[in-house]
Amino acid sequence: MLTDDSLARAIEEEVRLEPHNSGWAAQFVVERDQFFAVLPGRFIAIEHVGSTAVPGLTAKPIIDILGGQ
């Protein structure tokens, strides 16, 4: 739930960009496997999306994940 306080923190939060990290792909695999383990049969696919999924691209160090049913 988005509250006024959480919105204010998000607005004030510093945006940090980092050079591409090849470890982001491995971090995604760990997260994907956890989703499949915790929610078996729930997803057809879970994909790594966003800037961290693009090799060589500077990105915010946040792994974006999209699951499809």
Protein backbone atom coordinates (compact mmCIF):
# COMPACT_ATOMS: atom_id res chain seq x y z
CA MET A 1 0.00 0.00 0.00
CA LEU A 2 1.35 3.39 -0.98
CA THR A 3 1.14 5.91 1.84
CA ASP A 4 2.00 9.59 1.83
CA ASP A 5 5.14 8.74 3.80
CA SER A 6 6.28 6.01 1.41
CA LEU A 7 5.59 8.27 -1.57
CA ALA A 8 7.64 11.06 0.00
CA ARG A 9 10.54 8.64 0.62
CA ALA A 10 10.36 7.41 -2.98
CA ILE A 11 10.42 10.96 -4.33
CA GLU A 12 13.42 11.87 -2.20
CA GLU A 13 15.31 8.61 -2.76
CA GLU A 14 18.61 9.02 -4.58
CA VAL A 15 18.78 7.31 -7.95
CA ARG A 16 21.97 5.30 -8.24
CA LEU A 17 23.24 4.00 -11.56
CA GLU A 18 25.96 1.39 -11.86
CA PRO A 19 27.96 -0.07 -14.72
CA HIS A 20 26.60 -3.40 -15.91
CA ASN A 21 27.28 -6.25 -13.48
CA SER A 22 27.39 -9.73 -15.00
CA GLY A 23 26.25 -11.07 -11.61
CA TRP A 24 22.77 -9.61 -12.13
CA ALA A 25 21.87 -12.51 -14.42
CA ALA A 26 22.82 -15.03 -11.72
CA GLN A 27 20.86 -13.06 -9.10
CA PHE A 28 17.81 -13.25 -11.36
CA VAL A 29 18.14 -17.04 -11.68
CA VAL A 30 18.16 -17.38 -7.88
CA GLU A 31 15.04 -15.22 -7.56
CA ARG A 32 13.26 -17.00 -10.43
CA ASP A 33 13.96 -20.40 -8.91
CA GLN A 34 12.58 -19.20 -5.56
CA PHE A 35 9.34 -18.07 -7.22
CA PHE A 36 8.98 -21.44 -8.94
CA ALA A 37 9.66 -23.26 -5.64
CA VAL A 38 7.28 -21.17 -3.52
CA LEU A 39 4.51 -21.01 -6.14
CA PRO A 40 4.76 -24.28 -8.10
CA GLY A 41 2.62 -24.45 -11.22
CA ARG A 42 1.63 -20.80 -10.92
CA PHE A 43 3.78 -19.40 -13.73
CA ILE A 44 4.39 -20.46 -17.31
CA ALA A 45 7.48 -18.27 -17.43
CA ILE A 46 9.38 -15.84 -15.25
CA GLU A 47 11.62 -13.44 -17.14
CA HIS A 48 14.41 -11.00 -16.30
CA VAL A 49 13.34 -7.62 -17.72
CA GLY A 50 14.50 -4.05 -17.45
CA SER A 51 17.90 -2.42 -17.62
CA THR A 52 19.75 -5.04 -15.54
CA ALA A 53 18.79 -7.65 -18.15
CA VAL A 54 20.67 -5.83 -20.92
CA PRO A 55 24.39 -6.74 -21.06
CA GLY A 56 26.63 -3.69 -21.04
CA LEU A 57 23.90 -1.22 -20.07
CA THR A 58 24.32 1.11 -17.09
CA ALA A 59 21.39 0.48 -14.75
CA LYS A 60 19.80 0.99 -11.37
CA PRO A 61 20.91 -2.14 -9.47
CA ILE A 62 17.39 -3.53 -9.15
CA ILE A 63 16.46 -6.87 -10.69
CA ASP A 64 13.11 -6.47 -12.47
CA ILE A 65 11.14 -9.68 -12.84
CA LEU A 66 8.01 -10.42 -14.89
CA GLY A 67 5.97 -13.58 -14.41
CA GLY A 68 3.40 -14.90 -16.88
CA GLN A 69 0.56 -17.27 -16.16
